[in-house]
Amino acid sequence: MGAKELQNSLFIKSQKLLKEIEQKKDIFIFTNSTVDGIISGSIILKSIFNNLGNAIIRCSFGKIENNIDEIIKEKHDFYIFTDFNSNIIEIINKIFNEDNFLFINTDEITKSNNDNVYENILNPWTYNINGQKEITCAGLAYFLVKNFDRNSNSLSFLPVISAISKEQDIGENKSLTSFNNEILQTSLKLNLVEQKKRLNISEKETVPITNVLENNINHYIKEITWNNETSLKIIKDSNLLSDTDGNPKLFNELDEKEFANIYESIVKFLQNNSKLNNIQIIKDLLFGYNYILINEEDEGFMKNARSFVKVLSLCLISQKSGLALSLCLGERGEILKDVCDLVIKYNNVIKKTSSQLFGEKWRFYDDKETIFINGEGILDVTNVNPFVSFLESSVSFADRLICLRILESEEYYKFIITKTKFCNYDLINIKEKIIKIINKDEDIKINDKNKLEIKISASNLEGFLSNIKKIIINEKTS
């Protein structure tokens, strides 16, 4: 099983979809509220329209189980689901027993004895292809429609964005590999994407490098971000030349060597001034290939595929799926103001929140392996996930276990433990030990394998905090 078998499956399923399109069937596309979900759904929708078919698309912001009954009552002819977890496959297969659906996802799956279940499933793992590293739902959608849509290559830049959103830039210098690279090569040949090796800190291309470094929250550096004096010192130490008028160069005016000099200056500064444990983290996060979208405005937030991911993520966090879909389908004009407002609002919230939490020392404790944050009165359930994501992607905390508490209601707290990319804690072990001290399995859950959420009553908070610190300390030495 491998690439050839996947291609055969894609062709068979594409012909089935094409038949539905040609017969003018009512096709319903249901996407998860992820960047990969909305992009894969938009690729399919665009190709259906290119072939004069009938389709509608909707984005799910809750559990798919809670939406199934409503979808069934609408009585569509054919259903396409994108980027939902595999644990829903059996339910979908039982409900849609007329062979009138296609389920596209990439999380790891093991074939059951009932092979009929997988006739309507498009998942790379069933062909011994790693869905975490080699291809996304958007990539699968692209290869699917490529079998019947002559204009599909014009959409090839979209799976590149999806690959970045799923952190599948795992090759040397953050390059794309396998099927992702195949799609990228098409985009490069069509001059839809330009590949550049440089710092991964820009949101806009036409901003002076000094401002970009100072306002870098893509990979926040505690000792540099929002520090004008330090940012200027780093630029000065990198011996970066000014432009012909004596002004700092714009971000997109720098070449690879100049970016490398700035990177080395950052590394040198952090070695002398920070609590960073592993210098390799700096390179992994800050330096590598960027994927520049040729047809986007230089002054906008979507010129870089990485910043495009951020824009789509913010749209989905704000439950503005219509805006996200419009961007994927190529609409621009007036909606770019909405995009700008979203990004600026998010950046301001992150800066304000960080200033408060980092500024009040009793709220923030960092022992180089774990950070404990008391977000009570500052963070709430609506902004906690964006803030945790901000910490996860930072240079300063990418190897820490993040432990954050917030007040969920008058009677309950929520304690959130997040395993970052470079930390070695085992959340399963931590969960099992926490269950023993709270005696309530239903009050603790794991999200996305890397996040643990615990519901704690106000009366039990102090005892829980004492115990959780002991558990984590024991995990360090176990």
Protein backbone atom coordinates (compact mmCIF):
# COMPACT_ATOMS: atom_id res chain seq x y z
CA MET A 1 0.00 0.00 0.00
CA GLY A 2 1.29 3.47 -0.83
CA ALA A 3 1.14 6.38 -3.26
CA LYS A 4 -0.18 4.36 -6.20
CA GLU A 5 -3.04 2.91 -4.17
CA LEU A 6 -3.91 6.35 -2.81
CA GLN A 7 -3.97 7.76 -6.35
CA ASN A 8 -6.30 4.96 -7.46
CA SER A 9 -8.60 5.65 -4.53
CA LEU A 10 -8.58 9.37 -5.29
CA PHE A 11 -9.53 8.69 -8.90
CA ILE A 12 -12.40 6.36 -7.99
CA LYS A 13 -13.80 8.79 -5.44
CA SER A 14 -13.36 11.74 -7.80
CA GLN A 15 -15.41 10.01 -10.48
CA LYS A 16 -18.12 9.32 -7.97
CA LEU A 17 -18.15 13.01 -6.98
CA LEU A 18 -18.07 14.09 -10.62
CA LYS A 19 -21.16 12.00 -11.31
CA GLU A 20 -22.99 13.80 -8.49
CA ILE A 21 -21.88 17.13 -9.95
CA GLU A 22 -22.94 16.29 -13.50
CA GLN A 23 -26.35 15.12 -12.31
CA LYS A 24 -26.83 18.46 -10.54
CA LYS A 25 -27.20 16.77 -7.17
CA ASP A 26 -27.41 18.85 -4.01
CA ILE A 27 -23.96 18.48 -2.43
CA PHE A 28 -23.42 19.50 1.19
CA ILE A 29 -19.85 20.22 2.40
CA PHE A 30 -19.35 20.21 6.17
CA THR A 31 -15.94 21.34 7.43
CA ASN A 32 -14.37 21.33 10.85
CA SER A 33 -13.49 24.76 12.26
CA THR A 34 -9.81 24.37 11.43
CA VAL A 35 -7.62 26.03 8.81
CA ASP A 36 -7.23 22.70 7.03
CA GLY A 37 -10.96 22.06 7.27
CA ILE A 38 -12.02 25.36 5.73
CA ILE A 39 -9.34 25.24 3.02
CA SER A 40 -10.13 21.67 1.97
CA GLY A 41 -13.83 22.49 1.88
CA SER A 42 -13.23 25.62 -0.20
CA ILE A 43 -11.11 23.70 -2.73
CA ILE A 44 -13.91 21.20 -3.27
CA LEU A 45 -16.58 23.91 -3.39
CA LYS A 46 -14.60 25.93 -5.95
CA SER A 47 -14.14 22.90 -8.20
CA ILE A 48 -17.81 21.97 -7.98
CA PHE A 49 -18.71 25.48 -9.09
CA ASN A 50 -16.07 25.33 -11.84
CA ASN A 51 -17.93 22.30 -13.17
CA LEU A 52 -21.36 23.97 -12.85
CA GLY A 53 -22.47 21.82 -9.93
CA ASN A 54 -24.67 22.62 -6.93
CA ALA A 55 -23.14 22.81 -3.46
CA ILE A 56 -23.31 24.59 -0.15
CA ILE A 57 -20.71 24.68 2.62
CA ARG A 58 -20.95 25.03 6.37
CA CYS A 59 -18.36 25.12 9.15
CA SER A 60 -18.85 23.29 12.44
CA PHE A 61 -17.93 25.12 15.64
CA GLY A 62 -19.12 22.40 17.97
CA LYS A 63 -19.06 18.63 18.14
CA ILE A 64 -20.13 17.11 14.84
CA GLU A 65 -22.41 14.73 16.76
CA ASN A 66 -24.53 17.70 17.79
CA ASN A 67 -25.09 18.73 14.17
CA ILE A 68 -25.84 15.40 12.52
CA ASP A 69 -29.60 15.40 13.15
CA GLU A 70 -29.99 18.89 11.70
CA ILE A 71 -27.96 17.95 8.62
CA ILE A 72 -30.08 14.84 8.02
CA LYS A 73 -33.33 16.82 8.25
CA GLU A 74 -32.09 19.10 5.46
CA LYS A 75 -32.07 16.06 3.13
CA HIS A 76 -29.14 16.72 0.84
CA ASP A 77 -28.20 14.28 -1.92
CA PHE A 78 -24.48 13.93 -1.15
CA TYR A 79 -22.35 14.86 1.87
CA ILE A 80 -18.65 15.69 2.19
CA PHE A 81 -16.98 15.96 5.62
CA THR A 82 -13.48 17.44 5.99
CA ASP A 83 -10.91 17.34 8.81
CA PHE A 84 -13.01 15.75 11.53
CA ASN A 85 -11.51 13.16 13.89
CA SER A 86 -11.65 9.50 12.93
CA ASN A 87 -13.64 8.59 16.03
CA ILE A 88 -16.79 9.82 14.26
CA ILE A 89 -16.37 7.62 11.18
CA GLU A 90 -18.39 4.64 12.46
CA ILE A 91 -21.27 6.93 13.44
CA ILE A 92 -21.25 8.66 10.05
CA ASN A 93 -21.18 5.32 8.26
CA LYS A 94 -24.20 4.02 10.19
CA ILE A 95 -26.26 7.18 9.67
CA PHE A 96 -25.46 7.66 5.99
CA ASN A 97 -26.05 4.09 4.93
CA GLU A 98 -26.91 4.91 1.34
CA ASP A 99 -23.28 5.30 0.27
CA ASN A 100 -23.90 9.00 -0.30
CA PHE A 101 -21.00 10.60 1.57
CA LEU A 102 -17.24 11.20 1.48
CA PHE A 103 -15.24 11.59 4.67
CA ILE A 104 -11.81 13.24 4.30
CA ASN A 105 -9.40 13.36 7.22
CA THR A 106 -5.74 12.76 8.09
CA ASP A 107 -5.54 11.70 11.73
CA GLU A 108 -4.15 8.24 12.38
CA ILE A 109 -6.57 5.44 11.69
CA THR A 110 -6.40 1.65 11.73
CA LYS A 111 -8.53 -0.38 9.34
CA SER A 112 -11.23 -2.48 10.97
CA ASN A 113 -12.48 -5.80 9.66
CA ASN A 114 -15.35 -4.02 7.95
CA ASP A 115 -13.67 -2.78 4.75
CA ASN A 116 -17.01 -1.41 3.51
CA VAL A 117 -16.66 1.39 6.05
CA TYR A 118 -13.62 2.69 4.19
CA GLU A 119 -15.14 2.86 0.73
CA ASN A 120 -16.30 6.37 1.58
CA ILE A 121 -13.25 7.34 3.65
CA LEU A 122 -10.28 9.23 2.23
CA ASN A 123 -7.49 8.90 4.80
CA PRO A 124 -3.77 8.54 3.95
CA TRP A 125 -3.04 6.20 6.86
CA THR A 126 -5.08 3.44 5.20
CA TYR A 127 -2.45 3.52 2.44
CA ASN A 128 0.53 3.57 4.84
CA ILE A 129 1.02 7.30 4.27
CA ASN A 130 1.65 9.51 7.30
CA GLY A 131 -1.17 12.05 7.56
CA GLN A 132 0.73 14.05 10.17
CA LYS A 133 3.76 14.68 7.97
CA GLU A 134 3.09 14.04 4.29
CA ILE A 135 -0.30 15.45 3.32
CA THR A 136 -3.26 17.45 4.66
CA CYS A 137 -7.00 17.31 4.02
CA ALA A 138 -6.50 20.23 1.65
CA GLY A 139 -3.85 18.23 -0.19
CA LEU A 140 -6.23 15.28 -0.50
CA ALA A 141 -9.00 17.59 -1.70
CA TYR A 142 -6.65 19.11 -4.27
CA PHE A 143 -5.61 15.72 -5.68
CA LEU A 144 -9.25 14.62 -5.64
CA VAL A 145 -10.58 17.48 -7.76
CA LYS A 146 -7.51 17.50 -9.99
CA ASN A 147 -8.95 14.39 -11.64
CA PHE A 148 -11.84 16.37 -13.15
CA ASP A 149 -11.20 20.11 -12.70
CA ARG A 150 -8.92 21.62 -15.35
CA ASN A 151 -8.50 24.77 -13.26
CA SER A 152 -7.45 22.96 -10.09
CA ASN A 153 -3.77 23.93 -10.39
CA SER A 154 -4.72 27.55 -9.74
CA LEU A 155 -5.70 26.39 -6.23
CA SER A 156 -2.39 24.65 -5.52
CA PHE A 157 -1.21 27.41 -3.17
CA LEU A 158 -4.02 26.59 -0.73
CA PRO A 159 -2.71 23.15 0.34
CA VAL A 160 0.65 24.84 1.00
CA ILE A 161 -1.09 27.08 3.52
CA SER A 162 -2.79 24.04 5.05
CA ALA A 163 0.52 22.22 5.38
CA ILE A 164 1.91 25.19 7.31
CA SER A 165 -1.18 25.23 9.55
CA LYS A 166 -0.61 21.55 10.42
CA GLU A 167 3.11 22.18 11.07
CA GLN A 168 4.05 19.78 8.27
CA ASP A 169 7.04 21.92 7.27
CA ILE A 170 9.26 19.22 8.75
CA GLY A 171 12.02 19.01 6.14
CA GLU A 172 15.41 20.71 6.32
CA ASN A 173 15.05 24.43 7.03
CA LYS A 174 11.28 23.99 7.48
CA SER A 175 10.74 22.72 3.94
CA LEU A 176 7.76 20.67 2.79
CA THR A 177 8.17 17.00 1.97
CA SER A 178 6.40 14.16 0.16
CA PHE A 179 2.97 15.06 -1.29
CA ASN A 180 3.13 18.54 0.22
CA ASN A 181 6.32 19.22 -1.72
CA GLU A 182 4.75 17.87 -4.91
CA ILE A 183 1.94 20.40 -4.58
CA LEU A 184 4.43 23.15 -3.71
CA GLN A 185 6.42 22.47 -6.87
CA THR A 186 3.27 23.00 -8.93
CA SER A 187 2.69 26.34 -7.17
CA LEU A 188 6.29 27.39 -7.77
CA LYS A 189 6.11 26.54 -11.48
CA LEU A 190 2.87 28.49 -11.87
CA ASN A 191 4.40 31.47 -10.04
CA LEU A 192 1.73 31.32 -7.34
CA VAL A 193 4.26 30.87 -4.53
CA GLU A 194 7.83 32.00 -3.96
CA GLN A 195 10.05 30.08 -1.53
CA LYS A 196 12.48 32.15 0.56
CA LYS A 197 14.77 31.21 3.44
CA ARG A 198 14.57 33.83 6.19
CA LEU A 199 13.25 34.72 9.65
CA ASN A 200 9.72 33.54 10.49
CA ILE A 201 8.61 36.65 12.35
CA SER A 202 6.89 38.88 9.80
CA GLU A 203 3.18 39.62 9.50
CA LYS A 204 3.70 42.25 6.82
CA GLU A 205 6.38 42.42 4.16
CA THR A 206 6.73 46.19 3.89
CA VAL A 207 7.62 47.03 7.50
CA PRO A 208 11.11 48.14 8.69
CA ILE A 209 13.04 45.20 10.13
CA THR A 210 13.44 47.01 13.46
CA ASN A 211 9.66 47.24 13.85
CA VAL A 212 9.17 43.63 12.78
CA LEU A 213 11.60 42.36 15.42
CA GLU A 214 10.20 44.56 18.17
CA ASN A 215 6.59 43.52 17.45
CA ASN A 216 7.26 39.84 16.79
CA ILE A 217 4.57 37.83 18.55
CA ASN A 218 4.51 35.01 16.01
CA HIS A 219 7.36 33.51 18.02
CA TYR A 220 7.44 35.77 21.05
CA ILE A 221 10.86 36.28 22.66
CA LYS A 222 10.46 37.55 26.19
CA GLU A 223 13.68 39.54 26.23
CA ILE A 224 13.19 41.10 22.77
CA THR A 225 9.53 41.40 21.80
CA TRP A 226 8.07 44.80 22.74
CA ASN A 227 11.53 46.00 23.73
CA ASN A 228 12.63 48.76 21.37
CA GLU A 229 16.09 49.20 22.90
CA THR A 230 16.98 45.51 22.66
CA SER A 231 15.56 45.16 19.15
CA LEU A 232 17.66 48.06 17.91
CA LYS A 233 20.75 46.60 19.59
CA ILE A 234 20.26 43.25 17.86
CA ILE A 235 19.88 44.91 14.47
CA LYS A 236 22.97 47.00 15.14
CA ASP A 237 25.00 43.96 16.22
CA SER A 238 24.03 42.16 13.02
CA ASN A 239 25.83 44.88 11.00
CA LEU A 240 22.77 45.35 8.82
CA LEU A 241 23.19 48.09 6.25
CA SER A 242 20.53 50.78 5.84
CA ASP A 243 18.76 51.44 2.54
CA THR A 244 20.02 54.09 0.09
CA ASP A 245 18.27 56.85 2.08
CA GLY A 246 19.82 55.81 5.38
CA ASN A 247 16.61 54.23 6.76
CA PRO A 248 16.29 50.71 8.19
CA LYS A 249 15.54 48.23 5.43
CA LEU A 250 12.03 46.85 4.99
CA PHE A 251 11.56 43.20 5.82
CA ASN A 252 11.14 42.13 2.17
CA GLU A 253 14.30 44.01 1.14
CA LEU A 254 16.61 41.74 3.13
CA ASP A 255 18.45 38.84 1.51
CA GLU A 256 19.16 35.43 3.03
CA LYS A 257 22.60 36.44 4.34
CA GLU A 258 21.19 39.50 6.11
CA PHE A 259 18.46 37.39 7.72
CA ALA A 260 21.11 34.89 8.81
CA ASN A 261 23.14 37.69 10.43
CA ILE A 262 20.11 38.90 12.39
CA TYR A 263 19.37 35.33 13.46
CA GLU A 264 22.93 34.89 14.74
CA SER A 265 22.63 38.16 16.62
CA ILE A 266 19.41 36.94 18.27
CA VAL A 267 21.07 33.64 19.25
CA LYS A 268 24.05 35.45 20.76
CA PHE A 269 21.78 37.77 22.75
CA LEU A 270 19.65 34.92 24.12
CA GLN A 271 22.68 32.86 25.10
CA ASN A 272 23.82 35.76 27.27
CA ASN A 273 20.52 37.06 28.60
CA SER A 274 17.79 34.39 28.76
CA LYS A 275 16.64 31.23 30.51
CA LEU A 276 16.44 29.34 27.21
CA ASN A 277 17.43 25.71 27.65
CA ASN A 278 17.95 24.64 24.05
CA ILE A 279 19.41 26.87 21.34
CA GLN A 280 18.07 24.50 18.67
CA ILE A 281 14.59 25.77 19.52
CA ILE A 282 15.55 29.20 18.19
CA LYS A 283 16.43 27.87 14.75
CA ASP A 284 13.45 25.53 14.61
CA LEU A 285 11.03 28.38 15.27
CA LEU A 286 12.74 31.48 13.88
CA PHE A 287 14.60 30.52 10.72
CA GLY A 288 13.72 28.57 7.61
CA TYR A 289 11.71 28.62 4.41
CA ASN A 290 8.83 31.05 4.06
CA TYR A 291 6.22 30.67 1.35
CA ILE A 292 5.32 33.99 -0.22
CA LEU A 293 1.98 34.22 -2.04
CA ILE A 294 2.69 36.09 -5.24
CA ASN A 295 -0.83 37.36 -5.91
CA GLU A 296 -1.40 38.88 -2.46
CA GLU A 297 -0.73 42.54 -1.69
CA ASP A 298 2.71 43.29 -0.24
CA GLU A 299 1.17 45.58 2.38
CA GLY A 300 -1.41 43.05 3.59
CA PHE A 301 -1.42 40.38 6.28
CA MET A 302 -1.73 37.48 3.82
CA LYS A 303 1.39 37.81 1.68
CA ASN A 304 3.17 35.15 3.71
CA ALA A 305 1.57 31.68 3.97
CA ARG A 306 2.35 31.66 7.70
CA SER A 307 0.52 34.94 8.30
CA PHE A 308 -2.32 33.71 6.06
CA VAL A 309 -2.68 30.81 8.50
CA LYS A 310 -2.93 33.30 11.36
CA VAL A 311 -5.64 35.27 9.55
CA LEU A 312 -7.74 32.16 8.91
CA SER A 313 -7.24 30.99 12.49
CA LEU A 314 -8.46 34.33 13.85
CA CYS A 315 -11.49 34.20 11.55
CA LEU A 316 -12.38 30.77 12.92
CA ILE A 317 -11.71 31.73 16.54
CA SER A 318 -14.12 34.62 16.01
CA GLN A 319 -16.57 32.20 14.32
CA LYS A 320 -16.39 34.22 11.12
CA SER A 321 -16.30 31.20 8.84
CA GLY A 322 -17.86 33.18 6.00
CA LEU A 323 -14.90 35.56 6.03
CA ALA A 324 -12.42 32.66 6.11
CA LEU A 325 -14.19 30.95 3.22
CA SER A 326 -14.26 34.15 1.16
CA LEU A 327 -10.52 34.57 1.61
CA CYS A 328 -9.86 30.98 0.50
CA LEU A 329 -12.08 31.48 -2.56
CA GLY A 330 -10.10 34.56 -3.59
CA GLU A 331 -12.39 37.40 -2.58
CA ARG A 332 -10.54 40.52 -1.45
CA GLY A 333 -11.59 44.19 -1.70
CA GLU A 334 -13.59 45.47 1.27
CA ILE A 335 -13.14 42.32 3.37
CA LEU A 336 -9.44 43.10 3.77
CA LYS A 337 -10.42 45.81 6.25
CA ASP A 338 -12.14 43.14 8.34
CA VAL A 339 -8.97 41.06 8.18
CA CYS A 340 -6.83 44.00 9.27
CA ASP A 341 -9.18 44.77 12.17
CA LEU A 342 -9.09 41.13 13.34
CA VAL A 343 -5.30 40.91 13.37
CA ILE A 344 -4.76 44.28 15.03
CA LYS A 345 -7.38 43.51 17.69
CA TYR A 346 -5.77 40.14 18.42
CA ASN A 347 -2.26 41.61 18.62
CA ASN A 348 -3.43 44.32 20.99
CA VAL A 349 -5.21 41.81 23.24
CA ILE A 350 -2.14 39.57 23.38
CA LYS A 351 0.12 42.52 24.20
CA LYS A 352 -2.21 43.84 26.90
CA THR A 353 -2.73 40.40 28.43
CA SER A 354 0.97 39.55 28.40
CA SER A 355 1.91 42.89 29.94
CA GLN A 356 -0.48 42.26 32.82
CA LEU A 357 0.46 38.63 33.44
CA PHE A 358 4.22 39.08 33.01
CA GLY A 359 4.22 42.40 34.87
CA GLU A 360 2.64 41.08 38.08
CA LYS A 361 5.30 38.65 39.30
CA TRP A 362 2.96 36.77 41.63
CA ARG A 363 0.90 35.68 38.60
CA PHE A 364 3.74 34.16 36.62
CA TYR A 365 6.32 31.59 37.73
CA ASP A 366 8.90 30.01 35.37
CA ASP A 367 11.32 27.33 36.59
CA LYS A 368 12.72 26.65 33.07
CA GLU A 369 10.70 23.43 32.78
CA THR A 370 7.22 24.53 33.80
CA ILE A 371 5.42 27.85 33.85
CA PHE A 372 2.54 28.44 36.25
CA ILE A 373 0.21 31.29 35.37
CA ASN A 374 -2.66 32.70 37.40
CA GLY A 375 -4.97 34.23 34.80
CA GLU A 376 -7.86 34.93 37.16
CA GLY A 377 -9.39 38.33 36.45
CA ILE A 378 -7.43 38.76 33.22
CA LEU A 379 -8.12 35.71 31.07
CA ASP A 380 -11.52 34.18 30.50
CA VAL A 381 -12.85 31.24 28.47
CA THR A 382 -13.07 33.37 25.31
CA ASN A 383 -9.42 34.45 25.14
CA VAL A 384 -7.60 31.66 26.96
CA ASN A 385 -7.01 29.46 23.88
CA PRO A 386 -5.46 32.25 21.76
CA PHE A 387 -3.20 33.17 24.68
CA VAL A 388 -2.08 29.57 25.21
CA SER A 389 -1.36 29.25 21.47
CA PHE A 390 0.72 32.43 21.71
CA LEU A 391 2.78 30.89 24.53
CA GLU A 392 3.16 27.56 22.70
CA SER A 393 4.63 29.19 19.60
CA SER A 394 7.01 31.46 21.52
CA VAL A 395 10.76 30.97 21.58
CA SER A 396 10.85 31.60 25.32
CA PHE A 397 8.31 28.98 26.39
CA ALA A 398 8.36 26.35 23.63
CA ASP A 399 10.05 23.80 25.93
CA ARG A 400 7.90 24.41 28.99
CA LEU A 401 4.85 22.65 30.37
CA ILE A 402 2.26 25.44 30.56
CA CYS A 403 -0.02 25.36 33.61
CA LEU A 404 -2.69 28.04 33.52
CA ARG A 405 -5.65 28.63 35.77
CA ILE A 406 -8.66 30.83 35.11
CA LEU A 407 -11.97 31.46 36.83
CA GLU A 408 -14.66 29.69 34.81
CA SER A 409 -17.62 30.73 36.99
CA GLU A 410 -18.31 31.87 40.53
CA GLU A 411 -18.05 28.29 41.77
CA TYR A 412 -15.47 26.67 39.50
CA TYR A 413 -11.96 27.20 38.20
CA LYS A 414 -10.48 25.71 35.05
CA PHE A 415 -6.89 24.48 35.18
CA ILE A 416 -5.30 24.01 31.75
CA ILE A 417 -2.08 22.03 31.27
CA THR A 418 -0.50 22.32 27.82
CA LYS A 419 2.39 20.22 26.53
CA THR A 420 4.44 22.39 24.19
CA LYS A 421 6.36 21.13 21.17
CA PHE A 422 9.73 20.71 22.90
CA CYS A 423 8.75 19.57 26.39
CA ASN A 424 8.91 15.92 27.43
CA TYR A 425 6.09 15.53 29.91
CA ASP A 426 3.63 12.65 29.56
CA LEU A 427 0.09 14.04 29.84
CA ILE A 428 -1.42 10.56 30.16
CA ASN A 429 0.58 9.90 33.33
CA ILE A 430 -0.30 13.33 34.68
CA LYS A 431 -3.99 12.75 33.97
CA GLU A 432 -4.01 9.39 35.76
CA LYS A 433 -2.41 10.91 38.85
CA ILE A 434 -4.82 13.87 38.85
CA ILE A 435 -7.83 11.53 38.67
CA LYS A 436 -6.66 9.92 41.90
CA ILE A 437 -6.69 13.21 43.78
CA ILE A 438 -9.95 14.67 42.44
CA ASN A 439 -11.91 11.37 42.19
CA LYS A 440 -13.89 12.68 39.21
CA ASP A 441 -12.93 11.36 35.80
CA GLU A 442 -15.63 13.47 34.12
CA ASP A 443 -14.01 16.71 35.33
CA ILE A 444 -10.80 16.08 33.41
CA LYS A 445 -10.26 15.69 29.68
CA ILE A 446 -7.47 15.66 27.10
CA ASN A 447 -7.84 17.85 24.01
CA ASP A 448 -5.70 17.27 20.90
CA LYS A 449 -3.32 14.97 22.86
CA ASN A 450 -1.39 18.00 24.11
CA LYS A 451 -3.85 19.78 26.34
CA LEU A 452 -5.37 18.73 29.65
CA GLU A 453 -8.36 20.61 31.14
CA ILE A 454 -9.45 20.13 34.75
CA LYS A 455 -12.56 21.56 36.37
CA ILE A 456 -11.96 22.42 40.04
CA SER A 457 -14.44 23.74 42.59
CA ALA A 458 -13.41 26.92 44.38
CA SER A 459 -13.45 25.14 47.75
CA ASN A 460 -10.93 22.53 46.53
CA LEU A 461 -8.60 24.88 44.64
CA GLU A 462 -5.81 25.28 47.22
CA GLY A 463 -5.55 21.56 47.85
CA PHE A 464 -5.51 20.86 44.13
CA LEU A 465 -2.76 23.41 43.44
CA SER A 466 -0.59 21.88 46.14
CA ASN A 467 -1.05 18.38 44.73
CA ILE A 468 -0.61 19.32 41.07
CA LYS A 469 2.77 20.90 41.79
CA LYS A 470 3.90 17.68 43.50
CA ILE A 471 2.67 15.60 40.55
CA ILE A 472 4.55 17.70 38.03
CA ILE A 473 7.75 17.70 40.12
CA ASN A 474 7.58 13.89 40.30
CA GLU A 475 7.07 13.70 36.54
CA LYS A 476 10.31 15.64 36.03
CA THR A 477 12.32 12.97 37.83
CA SER A 478 10.40 9.88 36.68
